[in-house]
Amino acid sequence: MSDLKNVRKTLEEKRKQKEALELELAMLEAEPNRKILVSVIENDVELNKKLIGLKADEVKVIAAHYVDLFDKALEESNAELEEMRAKAEQKRERARVRAAQRKKEKAEREVEQQNMVREQVQEPVEPQPTYSNNGYYGQ
């Protein structure tokens, strides 16, 4: 029976470790975007003016609401985000088409060069005499 308790205890510890690692991973993945958000907040002069007279506890209360409003801001930005994503996809598609075109043109140039080499190799070459007879023997 104690083995079963030990296994359950170990399993619970592993589950907590997994949750902690998943949280750490999420924080690391979100870090670049979080830095952008922090930068925007830091550079907002009007927001900084409003923060001047507040106490730390008051800012914590406001920050909690600020975080809650993020979902609303995300929802309101959805149309603009979709437009940006569509433009980015169009840009990627144009780049794919250009890359395919360049690849096709390169292949055509290579085939053309190979054909030129084949034509040069296939041209009959007149044998050159190994000595100069200055035309004495051909008369």
N, C-alpha and C. Protein backbone atom coordinates (compact mmCIF):
# COMPACT_ATOMS: atom_id res chain seq x y z
N MET A 1 0.82 -1.20 0.00
CA MET A 1 0.00 0.00 0.00
C MET A 1 0.86 1.26 0.00
N SER A 2 1.99 1.20 0.69
CA SER A 2 2.84 2.39 0.73
C SER A 2 3.47 2.64 -0.64
N ASP A 3 3.69 1.57 -1.43
CA ASP A 3 4.21 1.76 -2.78
C ASP A 3 3.22 2.56 -3.63
N LEU A 4 1.96 2.27 -3.48
CA LEU A 4 0.93 2.99 -4.22
C LEU A 4 0.91 4.47 -3.83
N LYS A 5 1.06 4.75 -2.53
CA LYS A 5 1.10 6.14 -2.06
C LYS A 5 2.33 6.86 -2.62
N ASN A 6 3.46 6.15 -2.63
CA ASN A 6 4.69 6.74 -3.16
C ASN A 6 4.55 7.06 -4.65
N VAL A 7 3.92 6.15 -5.37
CA VAL A 7 3.72 6.36 -6.80
C VAL A 7 2.79 7.56 -7.03
N ARG A 8 1.72 7.65 -6.25
CA ARG A 8 0.80 8.79 -6.38
C ARG A 8 1.50 10.11 -6.03
N LYS A 9 2.30 10.07 -4.98
CA LYS A 9 3.04 11.26 -4.57
C LYS A 9 4.02 11.68 -5.67
N THR A 10 4.74 10.71 -6.22
CA THR A 10 5.69 10.99 -7.29
C THR A 10 4.97 11.53 -8.52
N LEU A 11 3.84 10.92 -8.84
CA LEU A 11 3.05 11.35 -9.98
C LEU A 11 2.57 12.80 -9.80
N GLU A 12 2.12 13.14 -8.61
CA GLU A 12 1.68 14.51 -8.33
C GLU A 12 2.84 15.49 -8.44
N GLU A 13 4.01 15.11 -7.95
CA GLU A 13 5.19 15.97 -8.06
C GLU A 13 5.56 16.20 -9.53
N LYS A 14 5.51 15.13 -10.31
CA LYS A 14 5.84 15.24 -11.74
C LYS A 14 4.84 16.13 -12.47
N ARG A 15 3.56 16.01 -12.08
CA ARG A 15 2.53 16.84 -12.69
C ARG A 15 2.80 18.32 -12.39
N LYS A 16 3.17 18.62 -11.15
CA LYS A 16 3.46 20.00 -10.77
C LYS A 16 4.70 20.51 -11.50
N GLN A 17 5.71 19.66 -11.64
CA GLN A 17 6.91 20.04 -12.38
C GLN A 17 6.57 20.34 -13.84
N LYS A 18 5.71 19.50 -14.41
CA LYS A 18 5.30 19.70 -15.80
C LYS A 18 4.57 21.03 -15.96
N GLU A 19 3.65 21.33 -15.04
CA GLU A 19 2.92 22.60 -15.10
C GLU A 19 3.88 23.79 -14.98
N ALA A 20 4.86 23.67 -14.08
CA ALA A 20 5.83 24.75 -13.91
C ALA A 20 6.66 24.94 -15.18
N LEU A 21 7.06 23.85 -15.80
CA LEU A 21 7.84 23.94 -17.03
C LEU A 21 7.01 24.51 -18.18
N GLU A 22 5.74 24.13 -18.26
CA GLU A 22 4.87 24.68 -19.29
C GLU A 22 4.66 26.18 -19.10
N LEU A 23 4.53 26.61 -17.85
CA LEU A 23 4.40 28.04 -17.56
C LEU A 23 5.67 28.78 -17.96
N GLU A 24 6.82 28.20 -17.62
CA GLU A 24 8.10 28.81 -17.98
C GLU A 24 8.24 28.92 -19.50
N LEU A 25 7.85 27.87 -20.21
CA LEU A 25 7.90 27.89 -21.67
C LEU A 25 7.00 28.98 -22.23
N ALA A 26 5.78 29.09 -21.70
CA ALA A 26 4.85 30.12 -22.17
C ALA A 26 5.42 31.51 -21.93
N MET A 27 6.05 31.70 -20.79
CA MET A 27 6.65 33.01 -20.48
C MET A 27 7.79 33.32 -21.45
N LEU A 28 8.60 32.33 -21.75
CA LEU A 28 9.71 32.54 -22.69
C LEU A 28 9.21 32.82 -24.10
N GLU A 29 8.17 32.12 -24.52
CA GLU A 29 7.62 32.34 -25.86
C GLU A 29 6.95 33.71 -25.97
N ALA A 30 6.36 34.18 -24.89
CA ALA A 30 5.65 35.46 -24.91
C ALA A 30 6.58 36.65 -24.69
N GLU A 31 7.82 36.38 -24.27
CA GLU A 31 8.73 37.47 -23.90
C GLU A 31 8.92 38.53 -24.98
N PRO A 32 9.19 38.17 -26.24
CA PRO A 32 9.37 39.22 -27.26
C PRO A 32 8.14 40.12 -27.41
N ASN A 33 6.96 39.52 -27.40
CA ASN A 33 5.73 40.32 -27.53
C ASN A 33 5.47 41.14 -26.28
N ARG A 34 5.80 40.57 -25.13
CA ARG A 34 5.63 41.30 -23.87
C ARG A 34 6.54 42.53 -23.85
N LYS A 35 7.75 42.37 -24.37
CA LYS A 35 8.69 43.50 -24.42
C LYS A 35 8.13 44.62 -25.30
N ILE A 36 7.49 44.25 -26.40
CA ILE A 36 6.88 45.26 -27.28
C ILE A 36 5.77 46.01 -26.53
N LEU A 37 4.93 45.26 -25.83
CA LEU A 37 3.84 45.87 -25.08
C LEU A 37 4.38 46.80 -24.00
N VAL A 38 5.39 46.36 -23.28
CA VAL A 38 6.00 47.18 -22.23
C VAL A 38 6.60 48.45 -22.83
N SER A 39 7.25 48.30 -23.98
CA SER A 39 7.86 49.46 -24.64
C SER A 39 6.80 50.48 -25.03
N VAL A 40 5.68 50.01 -25.56
CA VAL A 40 4.60 50.92 -25.95
C VAL A 40 4.08 51.66 -24.71
N ILE A 41 3.91 50.93 -23.62
CA ILE A 41 3.41 51.55 -22.38
C ILE A 41 4.43 52.57 -21.86
N GLU A 42 5.70 52.20 -21.86
CA GLU A 42 6.74 53.10 -21.36
C GLU A 42 6.84 54.38 -22.17
N ASN A 43 6.59 54.28 -23.46
CA ASN A 43 6.74 55.44 -24.34
C ASN A 43 5.47 56.28 -24.48
N ASP A 44 4.39 55.86 -23.83
CA ASP A 44 3.14 56.61 -23.89
C ASP A 44 3.18 57.73 -22.85
N VAL A 45 3.39 58.94 -23.31
CA VAL A 45 3.56 60.10 -22.42
C VAL A 45 2.30 60.34 -21.59
N GLU A 46 1.14 60.28 -22.22
CA GLU A 46 -0.11 60.55 -21.51
C GLU A 46 -0.34 59.53 -20.39
N LEU A 47 -0.06 58.27 -20.67
CA LEU A 47 -0.22 57.24 -19.64
C LEU A 47 0.74 57.49 -18.48
N ASN A 48 1.96 57.85 -18.80
CA ASN A 48 2.94 58.11 -17.74
C ASN A 48 2.55 59.31 -16.89
N LYS A 49 1.95 60.32 -17.49
CA LYS A 49 1.47 61.47 -16.73
C LYS A 49 0.38 61.05 -15.74
N LYS A 50 -0.48 60.13 -16.18
CA LYS A 50 -1.56 59.66 -15.31
C LYS A 50 -1.03 58.81 -14.17
N LEU A 51 0.07 58.12 -14.38
CA LEU A 51 0.64 57.24 -13.35
C LEU A 51 1.38 58.01 -12.26
N ILE A 52 1.75 59.24 -12.53
CA ILE A 52 2.60 60.00 -11.60
C ILE A 52 1.99 60.11 -10.21
N GLY A 53 0.75 60.42 -10.08
CA GLY A 53 0.15 60.66 -8.76
C GLY A 53 -0.36 59.42 -8.05
N LEU A 54 -0.24 58.26 -8.66
CA LEU A 54 -0.81 57.05 -8.07
C LEU A 54 0.19 56.34 -7.15
N LYS A 55 -0.37 55.63 -6.17
CA LYS A 55 0.45 54.81 -5.27
C LYS A 55 0.57 53.41 -5.87
N ALA A 56 1.54 52.64 -5.41
CA ALA A 56 1.81 51.31 -5.94
C ALA A 56 0.58 50.40 -5.83
N ASP A 57 -0.12 50.45 -4.69
CA ASP A 57 -1.32 49.61 -4.52
C ASP A 57 -2.40 49.99 -5.52
N GLU A 58 -2.54 51.28 -5.78
CA GLU A 58 -3.53 51.74 -6.74
C GLU A 58 -3.19 51.26 -8.15
N VAL A 59 -1.90 51.31 -8.47
CA VAL A 59 -1.47 50.86 -9.80
C VAL A 59 -1.73 49.37 -9.97
N LYS A 60 -1.55 48.59 -8.89
CA LYS A 60 -1.82 47.14 -8.96
C LYS A 60 -3.29 46.88 -9.26
N VAL A 61 -4.18 47.66 -8.65
CA VAL A 61 -5.62 47.50 -8.91
C VAL A 61 -5.92 47.85 -10.37
N ILE A 62 -5.36 48.96 -10.82
CA ILE A 62 -5.58 49.39 -12.20
C ILE A 62 -4.99 48.37 -13.17
N ALA A 63 -3.81 47.84 -12.85
CA ALA A 63 -3.15 46.87 -13.73
C ALA A 63 -4.00 45.61 -13.89
N ALA A 64 -4.67 45.19 -12.83
CA ALA A 64 -5.53 44.01 -12.92
C ALA A 64 -6.64 44.25 -13.94
N HIS A 65 -7.23 45.45 -13.92
CA HIS A 65 -8.27 45.78 -14.91
C HIS A 65 -7.67 45.93 -16.30
N TYR A 66 -6.48 46.46 -16.35
CA TYR A 66 -5.77 46.63 -17.62
C TYR A 66 -5.58 45.28 -18.30
N VAL A 67 -5.20 44.28 -17.50
CA VAL A 67 -5.00 42.93 -18.03
C VAL A 67 -6.34 42.35 -18.49
N ASP A 68 -7.39 42.59 -17.69
CA ASP A 68 -8.72 42.10 -18.08
C ASP A 68 -9.19 42.72 -19.39
N LEU A 69 -8.80 43.96 -19.63
CA LEU A 69 -9.22 44.65 -20.85
C LEU A 69 -8.43 44.21 -22.08
N PHE A 70 -7.37 43.45 -21.86
CA PHE A 70 -6.56 42.99 -22.99
C PHE A 70 -7.39 42.13 -23.94
N ASP A 71 -8.24 41.26 -23.39
CA ASP A 71 -9.10 40.43 -24.25
C ASP A 71 -10.02 41.30 -25.10
N LYS A 72 -10.56 42.36 -24.50
CA LYS A 72 -11.43 43.26 -25.26
C LYS A 72 -10.64 43.97 -26.36
N ALA A 73 -9.43 44.42 -26.02
CA ALA A 73 -8.59 45.09 -27.01
C ALA A 73 -8.23 44.13 -28.14
N LEU A 74 -7.95 42.89 -27.78
CA LEU A 74 -7.63 41.88 -28.78
C LEU A 74 -8.82 41.63 -29.70
N GLU A 75 -9.99 41.55 -29.11
CA GLU A 75 -11.22 41.33 -29.88
C GLU A 75 -11.50 42.50 -30.82
N GLU A 76 -11.32 43.73 -30.31
CA GLU A 76 -11.57 44.91 -31.13
C GLU A 76 -10.53 45.05 -32.25
N SER A 77 -9.37 44.48 -32.04
CA SER A 77 -8.30 44.56 -33.04
C SER A 77 -8.38 43.43 -34.06
N ASN A 78 -9.31 42.53 -33.88
CA ASN A 78 -9.37 41.32 -34.71
C ASN A 78 -9.46 41.62 -36.20
N ALA A 79 -10.29 42.57 -36.60
CA ALA A 79 -10.44 42.89 -38.03
C ALA A 79 -9.12 43.39 -38.60
N GLU A 80 -8.47 44.29 -37.87
CA GLU A 80 -7.19 44.82 -38.32
C GLU A 80 -6.12 43.72 -38.37
N LEU A 81 -6.15 42.84 -37.36
CA LEU A 81 -5.18 41.73 -37.33
C LEU A 81 -5.40 40.80 -38.52
N GLU A 82 -6.65 40.51 -38.83
CA GLU A 82 -6.95 39.64 -39.97
C GLU A 82 -6.47 40.27 -41.27
N GLU A 83 -6.66 41.57 -41.39
CA GLU A 83 -6.20 42.28 -42.59
C GLU A 83 -4.68 42.20 -42.71
N MET A 84 -3.99 42.40 -41.59
CA MET A 84 -2.53 42.31 -41.59
C MET A 84 -2.08 40.90 -41.98
N ARG A 85 -2.74 39.90 -41.43
CA ARG A 85 -2.38 38.51 -41.73
C ARG A 85 -2.63 38.18 -43.19
N ALA A 86 -3.74 38.70 -43.74
CA ALA A 86 -4.04 38.46 -45.15
C ALA A 86 -2.98 39.10 -46.04
N LYS A 87 -2.58 40.33 -45.71
CA LYS A 87 -1.54 41.00 -46.50
C LYS A 87 -0.22 40.24 -46.40
N ALA A 88 0.10 39.76 -45.21
CA ALA A 88 1.34 39.00 -45.03
C ALA A 88 1.29 37.71 -45.84
N GLU A 89 0.14 37.07 -45.88
CA GLU A 89 0.00 35.83 -46.65
C GLU A 89 0.13 36.12 -48.14
N GLN A 90 -0.46 37.23 -48.60
CA GLN A 90 -0.32 37.62 -50.01
C GLN A 90 1.14 37.88 -50.35
N LYS A 91 1.83 38.54 -49.45
CA LYS A 91 3.25 38.83 -49.67
C LYS A 91 4.06 37.53 -49.75
N ARG A 92 3.76 36.59 -48.84
CA ARG A 92 4.46 35.29 -48.88
C ARG A 92 4.15 34.54 -50.17
N GLU A 93 2.90 34.62 -50.62
CA GLU A 93 2.52 33.95 -51.86
C GLU A 93 3.25 34.55 -53.05
N ARG A 94 3.33 35.89 -53.10
CA ARG A 94 4.08 36.53 -54.18
C ARG A 94 5.54 36.12 -54.15
N ALA A 95 6.10 36.03 -52.95
CA ALA A 95 7.51 35.61 -52.82
C ALA A 95 7.68 34.18 -53.31
N ARG A 96 6.72 33.30 -52.99
CA ARG A 96 6.80 31.91 -53.46
C ARG A 96 6.74 31.85 -54.98
N VAL A 97 5.85 32.66 -55.57
CA VAL A 97 5.72 32.69 -57.03
C VAL A 97 7.01 33.19 -57.66
N ARG A 98 7.57 34.27 -57.10
CA ARG A 98 8.84 34.80 -57.63
C ARG A 98 9.96 33.77 -57.51
N ALA A 99 10.01 33.08 -56.39
CA ALA A 99 11.06 32.08 -56.19
C ALA A 99 10.90 30.94 -57.19
N ALA A 100 9.67 30.51 -57.42
CA ALA A 100 9.42 29.45 -58.40
C ALA A 100 9.81 29.92 -59.79
N GLN A 101 9.50 31.17 -60.12
CA GLN A 101 9.84 31.72 -61.43
C GLN A 101 11.36 31.77 -61.60
N ARG A 102 12.07 32.25 -60.56
CA ARG A 102 13.54 32.30 -60.63
C ARG A 102 14.12 30.90 -60.79
N LYS A 103 13.56 29.94 -60.09
CA LYS A 103 14.04 28.56 -60.18
C LYS A 103 13.82 28.02 -61.59
N LYS A 104 12.65 28.32 -62.17
CA LYS A 104 12.34 27.87 -63.52
C LYS A 104 13.29 28.51 -64.53
N GLU A 105 13.53 29.82 -64.38
CA GLU A 105 14.43 30.52 -65.30
C GLU A 105 15.85 29.98 -65.18
N LYS A 106 16.28 29.68 -63.98
CA LYS A 106 17.62 29.13 -63.77
C LYS A 106 17.74 27.78 -64.45
N ALA A 107 16.71 26.94 -64.30
CA ALA A 107 16.73 25.63 -64.94
C ALA A 107 16.77 25.77 -66.46
N GLU A 108 16.00 26.73 -66.99
CA GLU A 108 16.00 26.96 -68.44
C GLU A 108 17.37 27.42 -68.92
N ARG A 109 18.02 28.32 -68.16
CA ARG A 109 19.37 28.77 -68.53
C ARG A 109 20.36 27.61 -68.51
N GLU A 110 20.24 26.75 -67.51
CA GLU A 110 21.15 25.60 -67.42
C GLU A 110 20.95 24.66 -68.60
N VAL A 111 19.69 24.41 -68.99
CA VAL A 111 19.41 23.55 -70.14
C VAL A 111 19.97 24.19 -71.40
N GLU A 112 19.79 25.50 -71.53
CA GLU A 112 20.30 26.21 -72.70
C GLU A 112 21.82 26.12 -72.77
N GLN A 113 22.48 26.28 -71.64
CA GLN A 113 23.94 26.17 -71.61
C GLN A 113 24.39 24.76 -71.96
N GLN A 114 23.68 23.77 -71.45
CA GLN A 114 24.03 22.38 -71.77
C GLN A 114 23.85 22.12 -73.26
N ASN A 115 22.79 22.66 -73.85
CA ASN A 115 22.57 22.48 -75.28
C ASN A 115 23.67 23.15 -76.09
N MET A 116 24.11 24.33 -75.65
CA MET A 116 25.20 25.01 -76.35
C MET A 116 26.48 24.19 -76.29
N VAL A 117 26.75 23.60 -75.15
CA VAL A 117 27.95 22.77 -75.00
C VAL A 117 27.84 21.56 -75.91
N ARG A 118 26.66 20.95 -75.96
CA ARG A 118 26.47 19.78 -76.83
C ARG A 118 26.69 20.15 -78.29
N GLU A 119 26.15 21.31 -78.70
CA GLU A 119 26.32 21.75 -80.09
C GLU A 119 27.79 21.98 -80.41
N GLN A 120 28.51 22.56 -79.49
CA GLN A 120 29.93 22.80 -79.72
C GLN A 120 30.70 21.49 -79.82
N VAL A 121 30.34 20.54 -79.01
CA VAL A 121 31.03 19.25 -79.03
C VAL A 121 30.70 18.48 -80.30
N GLN A 122 29.48 18.62 -80.81
CA GLN A 122 29.05 17.86 -81.97
C GLN A 122 29.53 18.45 -83.29
N GLU A 123 30.01 19.68 -83.32
CA GLU A 123 30.50 20.28 -84.56
C GLU A 123 31.72 19.51 -85.03
N PRO A 124 31.75 19.17 -86.32
CA PRO A 124 32.92 18.44 -86.81
C PRO A 124 34.14 19.35 -86.78
N VAL A 125 35.22 18.77 -86.41
CA VAL A 125 36.47 19.51 -86.33
C VAL A 125 37.39 18.95 -87.40
N GLU A 126 37.90 19.84 -88.25
CA GLU A 126 38.82 19.38 -89.28
C GLU A 126 40.14 19.02 -88.63
N PRO A 127 40.69 17.89 -89.03
CA PRO A 127 41.96 17.50 -88.43
C PRO A 127 43.07 18.44 -88.86
N GLN A 128 43.87 18.78 -87.96
CA GLN A 128 45.01 19.65 -88.23
C GLN A 128 46.23 18.78 -88.50
N PRO A 129 46.98 19.13 -89.50
CA PRO A 129 48.18 18.33 -89.77
C PRO A 129 49.16 18.47 -88.62
N THR A 130 49.91 17.42 -88.45
CA THR A 130 50.86 17.44 -87.34
C THR A 130 52.13 18.17 -87.72
N TYR A 131 52.29 18.44 -89.00
CA TYR A 131 53.45 19.19 -89.45
C TYR A 131 53.00 20.17 -90.51
N SER A 132 53.77 21.11 -90.79
CA SER A 132 53.42 22.10 -91.79
C SER A 132 54.10 21.73 -93.09
N ASN A 133 53.29 21.52 -94.11
CA ASN A 133 53.87 21.18 -95.41
C ASN A 133 53.81 22.35 -96.36
N ASN A 134 53.26 23.43 -95.87
CA ASN A 134 53.14 24.65 -96.66
C ASN A 134 52.50 24.40 -98.02
N GLY A 135 51.71 23.38 -98.10
CA GLY A 135 51.00 23.10 -99.34
C GLY A 135 51.83 22.39 -100.39
N TYR A 136 53.02 21.94 -100.09
CA TYR A 136 53.86 21.29 -101.09
C TYR A 136 53.32 19.94 -101.50
N TYR A 137 52.75 19.19 -100.60
CA TYR A 137 52.36 17.82 -100.91
C TYR A 137 50.96 17.73 -101.48
N GLY A 138 50.18 18.75 -101.39
CA GLY A 138 48.81 18.67 -101.85
C GLY A 138 48.66 19.04 -103.29
N GLN A 139 49.68 19.43 -103.99
CA GLN A 139 49.55 19.93 -105.34
C GLN A 139 49.67 18.87 -106.35
